[in-house]
Amino acid sequence: MFVAVNGGLLLVLFRFGGNLSGWQLAAAAAIGLMAALAFAILEVRLNFYLDHYRRVALSYEERFGLTHNLFPPELRGRLFRGRLAVLLFIVSAVCAWFVALTLVSAV
């Protein structure tokens, strides 16, 4: 969804940007910025849910003496884990849309 929203907005800017007025370009960039911020908030919120249910699963593992490990260490990332990579991607989009909005507003 994130890629589709940003791709659609970029299509508007690059394909039709020459035919749009300044406020329309600024609106497209502002929508992109708001969408990227919304996805960043949703990603952080999703991580809270994942952490909560990970703790629940681990407590069941301990409580019922399950022999398998639901989260083995070899499946965990070292420095960059999946959630950090996704968040960095979204934050980079937030920054790019902020720069685009700044550039469009300056024109």
PDB file of N, CA and C in Angstrom:
ATOM      1  N   MET A   1       0.816  -1.179   0.000  1.00  0.00           N
ATOM      2  CA  MET A   1       0.000   0.000   0.000  1.00  0.00           C
ATOM      3  C   MET A   1       0.871   1.258   0.000  1.00  0.00           C
ATOM      4  N   PHE A   2       1.910   1.242   0.817  1.00  0.00           N
ATOM      5  CA  PHE A   2       2.810   2.389   0.918  1.00  0.00           C
ATOM      6  C   PHE A   2       3.451   2.695  -0.437  1.00  0.00           C
ATOM      7  N   VAL A   3       3.929   1.669  -1.084  1.00  0.00           N
ATOM      8  CA  VAL A   3       4.575   1.848  -2.382  1.00  0.00           C
ATOM      9  C   VAL A   3       3.568   2.324  -3.427  1.00  0.00           C
ATOM     10  N   ALA A   4       2.346   1.802  -3.393  1.00  0.00           N
ATOM     11  CA  ALA A   4       1.328   2.204  -4.360  1.00  0.00           C
ATOM     12  C   ALA A   4       0.945   3.670  -4.185  1.00  0.00           C
ATOM     13  N   VAL A   5       0.747   4.098  -2.948  1.00  0.00           N
ATOM     14  CA  VAL A   5       0.384   5.499  -2.690  1.00  0.00           C
ATOM     15  C   VAL A   5       1.498   6.429  -3.138  1.00  0.00           C
ATOM     16  N   ASN A   6       2.718   6.125  -2.743  1.00  0.00           N
ATOM     17  CA  ASN A   6       3.841   6.980  -3.130  1.00  0.00           C
ATOM     18  C   ASN A   6       4.096   6.932  -4.632  1.00  0.00           C
ATOM     19  N   GLY A   7       3.953   5.767  -5.230  1.00  0.00           N
ATOM     20  CA  GLY A   7       4.134   5.661  -6.675  1.00  0.00           C
ATOM     21  C   GLY A   7       3.100   6.472  -7.438  1.00  0.00           C
ATOM     22  N   GLY A   8       1.851   6.425  -6.994  1.00  0.00           N
ATOM     23  CA  GLY A   8       0.809   7.223  -7.635  1.00  0.00           C
ATOM     24  C   GLY A   8       1.077   8.715  -7.524  1.00  0.00           C
ATOM     25  N   LEU A   9       1.501   9.155  -6.359  1.00  0.00           N
ATOM     26  CA  LEU A   9       1.807  10.576  -6.182  1.00  0.00           C
ATOM     27  C   LEU A   9       3.021  10.999  -7.001  1.00  0.00           C
ATOM     28  N   LEU A  10       4.017  10.127  -7.072  1.00  0.00           N
ATOM     29  CA  LEU A  10       5.183  10.447  -7.905  1.00  0.00           C
ATOM     30  C   LEU A  10       4.815  10.493  -9.377  1.00  0.00           C
ATOM     31  N   LEU A  11       3.906   9.622  -9.800  1.00  0.00           N
ATOM     32  CA  LEU A  11       3.431   9.657 -11.182  1.00  0.00           C
ATOM     33  C   LEU A  11       2.781  10.999 -11.474  1.00  0.00           C
ATOM     34  N   VAL A  12       1.954  11.466 -10.556  1.00  0.00           N
ATOM     35  CA  VAL A  12       1.306  12.773 -10.738  1.00  0.00           C
ATOM     36  C   VAL A  12       2.366  13.867 -10.872  1.00  0.00           C
ATOM     37  N   LEU A  13       3.367  13.832  -9.998  1.00  0.00           N
ATOM     38  CA  LEU A  13       4.385  14.883 -10.024  1.00  0.00           C
ATOM     39  C   LEU A  13       5.240  14.833 -11.283  1.00  0.00           C
ATOM     40  N   PHE A  14       5.677  13.652 -11.681  1.00  0.00           N
ATOM     41  CA  PHE A  14       6.591  13.560 -12.820  1.00  0.00           C
ATOM     42  C   PHE A  14       5.887  13.575 -14.172  1.00  0.00           C
ATOM     43  N   ARG A  15       4.695  13.013 -14.240  1.00  0.00           N
ATOM     44  CA  ARG A  15       4.015  12.946 -15.532  1.00  0.00           C
ATOM     45  C   ARG A  15       3.215  14.200 -15.827  1.00  0.00           C
ATOM     46  N   PHE A  16       2.554  14.712 -14.796  1.00  0.00           N
ATOM     47  CA  PHE A  16       1.676  15.855 -15.004  1.00  0.00           C
ATOM     48  C   PHE A  16       2.171  17.126 -14.324  1.00  0.00           C
ATOM     49  N   GLY A  17       3.340  17.050 -13.710  1.00  0.00           N
ATOM     50  CA  GLY A  17       3.857  18.185 -12.945  1.00  0.00           C
ATOM     51  C   GLY A  17       4.001  19.463 -13.750  1.00  0.00           C
ATOM     52  N   GLY A  18       4.341  19.354 -15.023  1.00  0.00           N
ATOM     53  CA  GLY A  18       4.485  20.536 -15.863  1.00  0.00           C
ATOM     54  C   GLY A  18       3.170  21.237 -16.136  1.00  0.00           C
ATOM     55  N   ASN A  19       2.069  20.514 -16.057  1.00  0.00           N
ATOM     56  CA  ASN A  19       0.752  21.084 -16.332  1.00  0.00           C
ATOM     57  C   ASN A  19       0.012  21.522 -15.070  1.00  0.00           C
ATOM     58  N   LEU A  20       0.604  21.274 -13.901  1.00  0.00           N
ATOM     59  CA  LEU A  20      -0.064  21.606 -12.652  1.00  0.00           C
ATOM     60  C   LEU A  20       0.379  22.977 -12.156  1.00  0.00           C
ATOM     61  N   SER A  21      -0.520  23.630 -11.456  1.00  0.00           N
ATOM     62  CA  SER A  21      -0.171  24.920 -10.864  1.00  0.00           C
ATOM     63  C   SER A  21       0.673  24.691  -9.609  1.00  0.00           C
ATOM     64  N   GLY A  22       1.206  25.758  -9.085  1.00  0.00           N
ATOM     65  CA  GLY A  22       2.062  25.654  -7.901  1.00  0.00           C
ATOM     66  C   GLY A  22       1.349  25.075  -6.701  1.00  0.00           C
ATOM     67  N   TRP A  23       0.092  25.481  -6.489  1.00  0.00           N
ATOM     68  CA  TRP A  23      -0.630  24.954  -5.327  1.00  0.00           C
ATOM     69  C   TRP A  23      -0.979  23.487  -5.504  1.00  0.00           C
ATOM     70  N   GLN A  24      -1.198  23.048  -6.761  1.00  0.00           N
ATOM     71  CA  GLN A  24      -1.479  21.636  -7.003  1.00  0.00           C
ATOM     72  C   GLN A  24      -0.237  20.779  -6.754  1.00  0.00           C
ATOM     73  N   LEU A  25       0.919  21.292  -7.169  1.00  0.00           N
ATOM     74  CA  LEU A  25       2.166  20.579  -6.890  1.00  0.00           C
ATOM     75  C   LEU A  25       2.423  20.516  -5.388  1.00  0.00           C
ATOM     76  N   ALA A  26       2.197  21.628  -4.707  1.00  0.00           N
ATOM     77  CA  ALA A  26       2.390  21.654  -3.253  1.00  0.00           C
ATOM     78  C   ALA A  26       1.412  20.703  -2.569  1.00  0.00           C
ATOM     79  N   ALA A  27       0.183  20.645  -3.076  1.00  0.00           N
ATOM     80  CA  ALA A  27      -0.812  19.735  -2.499  1.00  0.00           C
ATOM     81  C   ALA A  27      -0.386  18.278  -2.675  1.00  0.00           C
ATOM     82  N   ALA A  28       0.117  17.934  -3.854  1.00  0.00           N
ATOM     83  CA  ALA A  28       0.576  16.554  -4.097  1.00  0.00           C
ATOM     84  C   ALA A  28       1.732  16.204  -3.170  1.00  0.00           C
ATOM     85  N   ALA A  29       2.677  17.141  -3.008  1.00  0.00           N
ATOM     86  CA  ALA A  29       3.807  16.890  -2.113  1.00  0.00           C
ATOM     87  C   ALA A  29       3.341  16.810  -0.661  1.00  0.00           C
ATOM     88  N   ALA A  30       2.385  17.649  -0.279  1.00  0.00           N
ATOM     89  CA  ALA A  30       1.865  17.612   1.092  1.00  0.00           C
ATOM     90  C   ALA A  30       1.132  16.308   1.364  1.00  0.00           C
ATOM     91  N   ILE A  31       0.376  15.828   0.379  1.00  0.00           N
ATOM     92  CA  ILE A  31      -0.313  14.542   0.535  1.00  0.00           C
ATOM     93  C   ILE A  31       0.704  13.419   0.676  1.00  0.00           C
ATOM     94  N   GLY A  32       1.763  13.476  -0.111  1.00  0.00           N
ATOM     95  CA  GLY A  32       2.822  12.473   0.008  1.00  0.00           C
ATOM     96  C   GLY A  32       3.465  12.496   1.379  1.00  0.00           C
ATOM     97  N   LEU A  33       3.712  13.686   1.899  1.00  0.00           N
ATOM     98  CA  LEU A  33       4.302  13.818   3.229  1.00  0.00           C
ATOM     99  C   LEU A  33       3.356  13.264   4.287  1.00  0.00           C
ATOM    100  N   MET A  34       2.085  13.611   4.203  1.00  0.00           N
ATOM    101  CA  MET A  34       1.110  13.110   5.182  1.00  0.00           C
ATOM    102  C   MET A  34       0.959  11.595   5.093  1.00  0.00           C
ATOM    103  N   ALA A  35       0.950  11.060   3.877  1.00  0.00           N
ATOM    104  CA  ALA A  35       0.828   9.608   3.716  1.00  0.00           C
ATOM    105  C   ALA A  35       2.037   8.895   4.306  1.00  0.00           C
ATOM    106  N   ALA A  36       3.226   9.423   4.051  1.00  0.00           N
ATOM    107  CA  ALA A  36       4.438   8.801   4.589  1.00  0.00           C
ATOM    108  C   ALA A  36       4.444   8.876   6.114  1.00  0.00           C
ATOM    109  N   LEU A  37       4.024  10.008   6.678  1.00  0.00           N
ATOM    110  CA  LEU A  37       3.936  10.120   8.137  1.00  0.00           C
ATOM    111  C   LEU A  37       2.912   9.142   8.705  1.00  0.00           C
ATOM    112  N   ALA A  38       1.783   8.995   8.028  1.00  0.00           N
ATOM    113  CA  ALA A  38       0.754   8.062   8.485  1.00  0.00           C
ATOM    114  C   ALA A  38       1.283   6.629   8.474  1.00  0.00           C
ATOM    115  N   PHE A  39       1.993   6.258   7.422  1.00  0.00           N
ATOM    116  CA  PHE A  39       2.550   4.909   7.368  1.00  0.00           C
ATOM    117  C   PHE A  39       3.625   4.707   8.429  1.00  0.00           C
ATOM    118  N   ALA A  40       4.399   5.749   8.743  1.00  0.00           N
ATOM    119  CA  ALA A  40       5.396   5.640   9.807  1.00  0.00           C
ATOM    120  C   ALA A  40       4.709   5.397  11.151  1.00  0.00           C
ATOM    121  N   ILE A  41       3.634   6.135  11.418  1.00  0.00           N
ATOM    122  CA  ILE A  41       2.886   5.945  12.666  1.00  0.00           C
ATOM    123  C   ILE A  41       2.299   4.542  12.725  1.00  0.00           C
ATOM    124  N   LEU A  42       1.728   4.077  11.610  1.00  0.00           N
ATOM    125  CA  LEU A  42       1.162   2.729  11.581  1.00  0.00           C
ATOM    126  C   LEU A  42       2.234   1.661  11.792  1.00  0.00           C
ATOM    127  N   GLU A  43       3.408   1.879  11.233  1.00  0.00           N
ATOM    128  CA  GLU A  43       4.500   0.914  11.402  1.00  0.00           C
ATOM    129  C   GLU A  43       4.936   0.826  12.861  1.00  0.00           C
ATOM    130  N   VAL A  44       5.062   1.962  13.517  1.00  0.00           N
ATOM    131  CA  VAL A  44       5.441   1.962  14.930  1.00  0.00           C
ATOM    132  C   VAL A  44       4.360   1.269  15.757  1.00  0.00           C
ATOM    133  N   ARG A  45       3.094   1.577  15.471  1.00  0.00           N
ATOM    134  CA  ARG A  45       1.990   0.955  16.207  1.00  0.00           C
ATOM    135  C   ARG A  45       1.962  -0.550  15.982  1.00  0.00           C
ATOM    136  N   LEU A  46       2.197  -0.987  14.753  1.00  0.00           N
ATOM    137  CA  LEU A  46       2.251  -2.418  14.460  1.00  0.00           C
ATOM    138  C   LEU A  46       3.354  -3.093  15.262  1.00  0.00           C
ATOM    139  N   ASN A  47       4.492  -2.422  15.390  1.00  0.00           N
ATOM    140  CA  ASN A  47       5.592  -2.999  16.162  1.00  0.00           C
ATOM    141  C   ASN A  47       5.227  -3.168  17.632  1.00  0.00           C
ATOM    142  N   PHE A  48       4.427  -2.248  18.183  1.00  0.00           N
ATOM    143  CA  PHE A  48       3.955  -2.418  19.560  1.00  0.00           C
ATOM    144  C   PHE A  48       3.109  -3.682  19.684  1.00  0.00           C
ATOM    145  N   TYR A  49       2.204  -3.898  18.731  1.00  0.00           N
ATOM    146  CA  TYR A  49       1.378  -5.104  18.746  1.00  0.00           C
ATOM    147  C   TYR A  49       2.246  -6.358  18.602  1.00  0.00           C
ATOM    148  N   LEU A  50       3.200  -6.330  17.687  1.00  0.00           N
ATOM    149  CA  LEU A  50       4.062  -7.502  17.493  1.00  0.00           C
ATOM    150  C   LEU A  50       4.854  -7.816  18.755  1.00  0.00           C
ATOM    151  N   ASP A  51       5.379  -6.786  19.408  1.00  0.00           N
ATOM    152  CA  ASP A  51       6.126  -7.009  20.648  1.00  0.00           C
ATOM    153  C   ASP A  51       5.221  -7.602  21.727  1.00  0.00           C
ATOM    154  N   HIS A  52       4.005  -7.080  21.825  1.00  0.00           N
ATOM    155  CA  HIS A  52       3.066  -7.597  22.834  1.00  0.00           C
ATOM    156  C   HIS A  52       2.776  -9.077  22.601  1.00  0.00           C
ATOM    157  N   TYR A  53       2.442  -9.434  21.367  1.00  0.00           N
ATOM    158  CA  TYR A  53       2.088 -10.828  21.098  1.00  0.00           C
ATOM    159  C   TYR A  53       3.309 -11.744  21.101  1.00  0.00           C
ATOM    160  N   ARG A  54       4.475 -11.196  20.867  1.00  0.00           N
ATOM    161  CA  ARG A  54       5.694 -11.988  21.014  1.00  0.00           C
ATOM    162  C   ARG A  54       5.880 -12.356  22.487  1.00  0.00           C
ATOM    163  N   ARG A  55       5.645 -11.377  23.378  1.00  0.00           N
ATOM    164  CA  ARG A  55       5.751 -11.656  24.813  1.00  0.00           C
ATOM    165  C   ARG A  55       4.691 -12.679  25.246  1.00  0.00           C
ATOM    166  N   VAL A  56       3.481 -12.563  24.696  1.00  0.00           N
ATOM    167  CA  VAL A  56       2.424 -13.530  25.021  1.00  0.00           C
ATOM    168  C   VAL A  56       2.848 -14.931  24.573  1.00  0.00           C
ATOM    169  N   ALA A  57       3.358 -15.039  23.352  1.00  0.00           N
ATOM    170  CA  ALA A  57       3.784 -16.351  22.843  1.00  0.00           C
ATOM    171  C   ALA A  57       4.913 -16.923  23.687  1.00  0.00           C
ATOM    172  N   LEU A  58       5.866 -16.077  24.074  1.00  0.00           N
ATOM    173  CA  LEU A  58       6.968 -16.570  24.898  1.00  0.00           C
ATOM    174  C   LEU A  58       6.485 -17.001  26.276  1.00  0.00           C
ATOM    175  N   SER A  59       5.494 -16.281  26.830  1.00  0.00           N
ATOM    176  CA  SER A  59       4.973 -16.681  28.143  1.00  0.00           C
ATOM    177  C   SER A  59       4.257 -18.030  28.048  1.00  0.00           C
ATOM    178  N   TYR A  60       3.533 -18.273  26.939  1.00  0.00           N
ATOM    179  CA  TYR A  60       2.899 -19.580  26.742  1.00  0.00           C
ATOM    180  C   TYR A  60       3.939 -20.668  26.566  1.00  0.00           C
ATOM    181  N   GLU A  61       5.017 -20.328  25.889  1.00  0.00           N
ATOM    182  CA  GLU A  61       6.094 -21.284  25.707  1.00  0.00           C
ATOM    183  C   GLU A  61       6.638 -21.735  27.057  1.00  0.00           C
ATOM    184  N   GLU A  62       6.870 -20.766  27.939  1.00  0.00           N
ATOM    185  CA  GLU A  62       7.392 -21.089  29.269  1.00  0.00           C
ATOM    186  C   GLU A  62       6.324 -21.772  30.134  1.00  0.00           C
ATOM    187  N   ARG A  63       5.103 -21.269  30.088  1.00  0.00           N
ATOM    188  CA  ARG A  63       4.027 -21.776  30.941  1.00  0.00           C
ATOM    189  C   ARG A  63       3.690 -23.232  30.653  1.00  0.00           C
ATOM    190  N   PHE A  64       3.654 -23.589  29.391  1.00  0.00           N
ATOM    191  CA  PHE A  64       3.266 -24.941  29.019  1.00  0.00           C
ATOM    192  C   PHE A  64       4.461 -25.841  28.717  1.00  0.00           C
ATOM    193  N   GLY A  65       5.655 -25.324  28.931  1.00  0.00           N
ATOM    194  CA  GLY A  65       6.850 -26.139  28.745  1.00  0.00           C
ATOM    195  C   GLY A  65       7.031 -26.626  27.327  1.00  0.00           C
ATOM    196  N   LEU A  66       6.739 -25.778  26.369  1.00  0.00           N
ATOM    197  CA  LEU A  66       6.901 -26.162  24.974  1.00  0.00           C
ATOM    198  C   LEU A  66       8.381 -26.342  24.668  1.00  0.00           C
ATOM    199  N   THR A  67       8.681 -27.380  23.908  1.00  0.00           N
ATOM    200  CA  THR A  67      10.079 -27.688  23.648  1.00  0.00           C
ATOM    201  C   THR A  67      10.661 -26.893  22.489  1.00  0.00           C
ATOM    202  N   HIS A  68       9.825 -26.400  21.594  1.00  0.00           N
ATOM    203  CA  HIS A  68      10.339 -25.639  20.462  1.00  0.00           C
ATOM    204  C   HIS A  68      10.450 -24.163  20.839  1.00  0.00           C
ATOM    205  N   ASN A  69      11.352 -23.502  20.197  1.00  0.00           N
ATOM    206  CA  ASN A  69      11.568 -22.078  20.450  1.00  0.00           C
ATOM    207  C   ASN A  69      10.885 -21.295  19.334  1.00  0.00           C
ATOM    208  N   LEU A  70       9.885 -20.486  19.694  1.00  0.00           N
ATOM    209  CA  LEU A  70       9.156 -19.740  18.680  1.00  0.00           C
ATOM    210  C   LEU A  70      10.004 -18.660  18.019  1.00  0.00           C
ATOM    211  N   PHE A  71      11.004 -18.186  18.740  1.00  0.00           N
ATOM    212  CA  PHE A  71      11.847 -17.110  18.214  1.00  0.00           C
ATOM    213  C   PHE A  71      13.311 -17.469  18.392  1.00  0.00           C
ATOM    214  N   PRO A  72      13.805 -18.413  17.592  1.00  0.00           N
ATOM    215  CA  PRO A  72      15.197 -18.835  17.752  1.00  0.00           C
ATOM    216  C   PRO A  72      16.168 -17.704  17.419  1.00  0.00           C
ATOM    217  N   PRO A  73      17.268 -17.625  18.143  1.00  0.00           N
ATOM    218  CA  PRO A  73      18.240 -16.539  17.935  1.00  0.00           C
ATOM    219  C   PRO A  73      18.797 -16.472  16.520  1.00  0.00           C
ATOM    220  N   GLU A  74      18.920 -17.601  15.836  1.00  0.00           N
ATOM    221  CA  GLU A  74      19.500 -17.575  14.486  1.00  0.00           C
ATOM    222  C   GLU A  74      18.581 -16.893  13.471  1.00  0.00           C
ATOM    223  N   LEU A  75      17.310 -16.711  13.808  1.00  0.00           N
ATOM    224  CA  LEU A  75      16.392 -16.011  12.907  1.00  0.00           C
ATOM    225  C   LEU A  75      16.332 -14.513  13.177  1.00  0.00           C
ATOM    226  N   ARG A  76      16.972 -14.080  14.230  1.00  0.00           N
ATOM    227  CA  ARG A  76      16.963 -12.654  14.564  1.00  0.00           C
ATOM    228  C   ARG A  76      18.095 -11.957  13.834  1.00  0.00           C
ATOM    229  N   GLY A  77      17.859 -10.699  13.480  1.00  0.00           N
ATOM    230  CA  GLY A  77      18.907  -9.916  12.842  1.00  0.00           C
ATOM    231  C   GLY A  77      19.968  -9.501  13.843  1.00  0.00           C
ATOM    232  N   ARG A  78      21.107  -9.143  13.351  1.00  0.00           N
ATOM    233  CA  ARG A  78      22.190  -8.702  14.226  1.00  0.00           C
ATOM    234  C   ARG A  78      22.058  -7.203  14.497  1.00  0.00           C
ATOM    235  N   LEU A  79      22.421  -6.417  13.519  1.00  0.00           N
ATOM    236  CA  LEU A  79      22.395  -4.967  13.688  1.00  0.00           C
ATOM    237  C   LEU A  79      21.093  -4.381  13.179  1.00  0.00           C
ATOM    238  N   PHE A  80      20.718  -4.760  11.963  1.00  0.00           N
ATOM    239  CA  PHE A  80      19.493  -4.233  11.366  1.00  0.00           C
ATOM    240  C   PHE A  80      18.453  -5.342  11.308  1.00  0.00           C
ATOM    241  N   ARG A  81      17.386  -5.131  12.001  1.00  0.00           N
ATOM    242  CA  ARG A  81      16.282  -6.087  11.969  1.00  0.00           C
ATOM    243  C   ARG A  81      15.251  -5.583  10.985  1.00  0.00           C
ATOM    244  N   GLY A  82      14.300  -6.405  10.629  1.00  0.00           N
ATOM    245  CA  GLY A  82      13.304  -6.052   9.627  1.00  0.00           C
ATOM    246  C   GLY A  82      12.537  -4.791   9.952  1.00  0.00           C
ATOM    247  N   ARG A  83      12.149  -4.626  11.202  1.00  0.00           N
ATOM    248  CA  ARG A  83      11.358  -3.458  11.570  1.00  0.00           C
ATOM    249  C   ARG A  83      12.155  -2.172  11.409  1.00  0.00           C
ATOM    250  N   LEU A  84      13.441  -2.207  11.705  1.00  0.00           N
ATOM    251  CA  LEU A  84      14.263  -1.015  11.547  1.00  0.00           C
ATOM    252  C   LEU A  84      14.433  -0.676  10.075  1.00  0.00           C
ATOM    253  N   ALA A  85      14.607  -1.675   9.243  1.00  0.00           N
ATOM    254  CA  ALA A  85      14.760  -1.438   7.807  1.00  0.00           C
ATOM    255  C   ALA A  85      13.498  -0.808   7.223  1.00  0.00           C
ATOM    256  N   VAL A  86      12.336  -1.317   7.609  1.00  0.00           N
ATOM    257  CA  VAL A  86      11.073  -0.761   7.111  1.00  0.00           C
ATOM    258  C   VAL A  86      10.895   0.666   7.601  1.00  0.00           C
ATOM    259  N   LEU A  87      11.206   0.907   8.874  1.00  0.00           N
ATOM    260  CA  LEU A  87      11.062   2.245   9.426  1.00  0.00           C
ATOM    261  C   LEU A  87      12.026   3.225   8.760  1.00  0.00           C
ATOM    262  N   LEU A  88      13.242   2.789   8.480  1.00  0.00           N
ATOM    263  CA  LEU A  88      14.190   3.652   7.765  1.00  0.00           C
ATOM    264  C   LEU A  88      13.692   3.981   6.367  1.00  0.00           C
ATOM    265  N   PHE A  89      13.099   3.011   5.709  1.00  0.00           N
ATOM    266  CA  PHE A  89      12.536   3.232   4.380  1.00  0.00           C
ATOM    267  C   PHE A  89      11.422   4.276   4.432  1.00  0.00           C
ATOM    268  N   ILE A  90      10.539   4.144   5.404  1.00  0.00           N
ATOM    269  CA  ILE A  90       9.430   5.086   5.524  1.00  0.00           C
ATOM    270  C   ILE A  90       9.931   6.462   5.927  1.00  0.00           C
ATOM    271  N   VAL A  91      10.877   6.531   6.844  1.00  0.00           N
ATOM    272  CA  VAL A  91      11.422   7.826   7.255  1.00  0.00           C
ATOM    273  C   VAL A  91      12.127   8.506   6.082  1.00  0.00           C
ATOM    274  N   SER A  92      12.796   7.742   5.241  1.00  0.00           N
ATOM    275  CA  SER A  92      13.427   8.340   4.065  1.00  0.00           C
ATOM    276  C   SER A  92      12.375   8.914   3.124  1.00  0.00           C
ATOM    277  N   ALA A  93      11.238   8.254   3.013  1.00  0.00           N
ATOM    278  CA  ALA A  93      10.152   8.793   2.188  1.00  0.00           C
ATOM    279  C   ALA A  93       9.585  10.062   2.804  1.00  0.00           C
ATOM    280  N   VAL A  94       9.448  10.093   4.128  1.00  0.00           N
ATOM    281  CA  VAL A  94       8.988  11.313   4.810  1.00  0.00           C
ATOM    282  C   VAL A  94       9.936  12.463   4.493  1.00  0.00           C
ATOM    283  N   CYS A  95      11.227  12.219   4.595  1.00  0.00           N
ATOM    284  CA  CYS A  95      12.220  13.262   4.307  1.00  0.00           C
ATOM    285  C   CYS A  95      12.161  13.696   2.844  1.00  0.00           C
ATOM    286  N   ALA A  96      12.014  12.751   1.944  1.00  0.00           N
ATOM    287  CA  ALA A  96      11.956  13.089   0.517  1.00  0.00           C
ATOM    288  C   ALA A  96      10.728  13.938   0.207  1.00  0.00           C
ATOM    289  N   TRP A  97       9.580  13.586   0.778  1.00  0.00           N
ATOM    290  CA  TRP A  97       8.378  14.381   0.549  1.00  0.00           C
ATOM    291  C   TRP A  97       8.500  15.753   1.190  1.00  0.00           C
ATOM    292  N   PHE A  98       9.167  15.842   2.337  1.00  0.00           N
ATOM    293  CA  PHE A  98       9.382  17.147   2.963  1.00  0.00           C
ATOM    294  C   PHE A  98      10.244  18.030   2.071  1.00  0.00           C
ATOM    295  N   VAL A  99      11.302  17.451   1.511  1.00  0.00           N
ATOM    296  CA  VAL A  99      12.158  18.203   0.581  1.00  0.00           C
ATOM    297  C   VAL A  99      11.371  18.611  -0.650  1.00  0.00           C
ATOM    298  N   ALA A 100      10.564  17.705  -1.203  1.00  0.00           N
ATOM    299  CA  ALA A 100       9.756  18.029  -2.371  1.00  0.00           C
ATOM    300  C   ALA A 100       8.787  19.156  -2.064  1.00  0.00           C
ATOM    301  N   LEU A 101       8.154  19.104  -0.909  1.00  0.00           N
ATOM    302  CA  LEU A 101       7.227  20.161  -0.525  1.00  0.00           C
ATOM    303  C   LEU A 101       7.950  21.492  -0.366  1.00  0.00           C
ATOM    304  N   THR A 102       9.126  21.458   0.216  1.00  0.00           N
ATOM    305  CA  THR A 102       9.925  22.666   0.386  1.00  0.00           C
ATOM    306  C   THR A 102      10.330  23.254  -0.964  1.00  0.00           C
ATOM    307  N   LEU A 103      10.761  22.394  -1.874  1.00  0.00           N
ATOM    308  CA  LEU A 103      11.186  22.874  -3.207  1.00  0.00           C
ATOM    309  C   LEU A 103      10.011  23.427  -4.008  1.00  0.00           C
ATOM    310  N   VAL A 104       8.885  22.735  -3.934  1.00  0.00           N
ATOM    311  CA  VAL A 104       7.711  23.173  -4.688  1.00  0.00           C
ATOM    312  C   VAL A 104       7.173  24.481  -4.118  1.00  0.00           C
ATOM    313  N   SER A 105       7.196  24.613  -2.806  1.00  0.00           N
ATOM    314  CA  SER A 105       6.709  25.844  -2.173  1.00  0.00           C
ATOM    315  C   SER A 105       7.604  27.036  -2.472  1.00  0.00           C
ATOM    316  N   ALA A 106       8.886  26.771  -2.703  1.00  0.00           N
ATOM    317  CA  ALA A 106       9.826  27.859  -2.983  1.00  0.00           C
ATOM    318  C   ALA A 106       9.652  28.425  -4.395  1.00  0.00           C
ATOM    319  N   VAL A 107       9.033  27.641  -5.286  1.00  0.00           N
ATOM    320  CA  VAL A 107       8.873  28.065  -6.681  1.00  0.00           C
ATOM    321  C   VAL A 107       7.693  28.986  -6.843  1.00  0.00           C
TER     322      VAL A 107
END
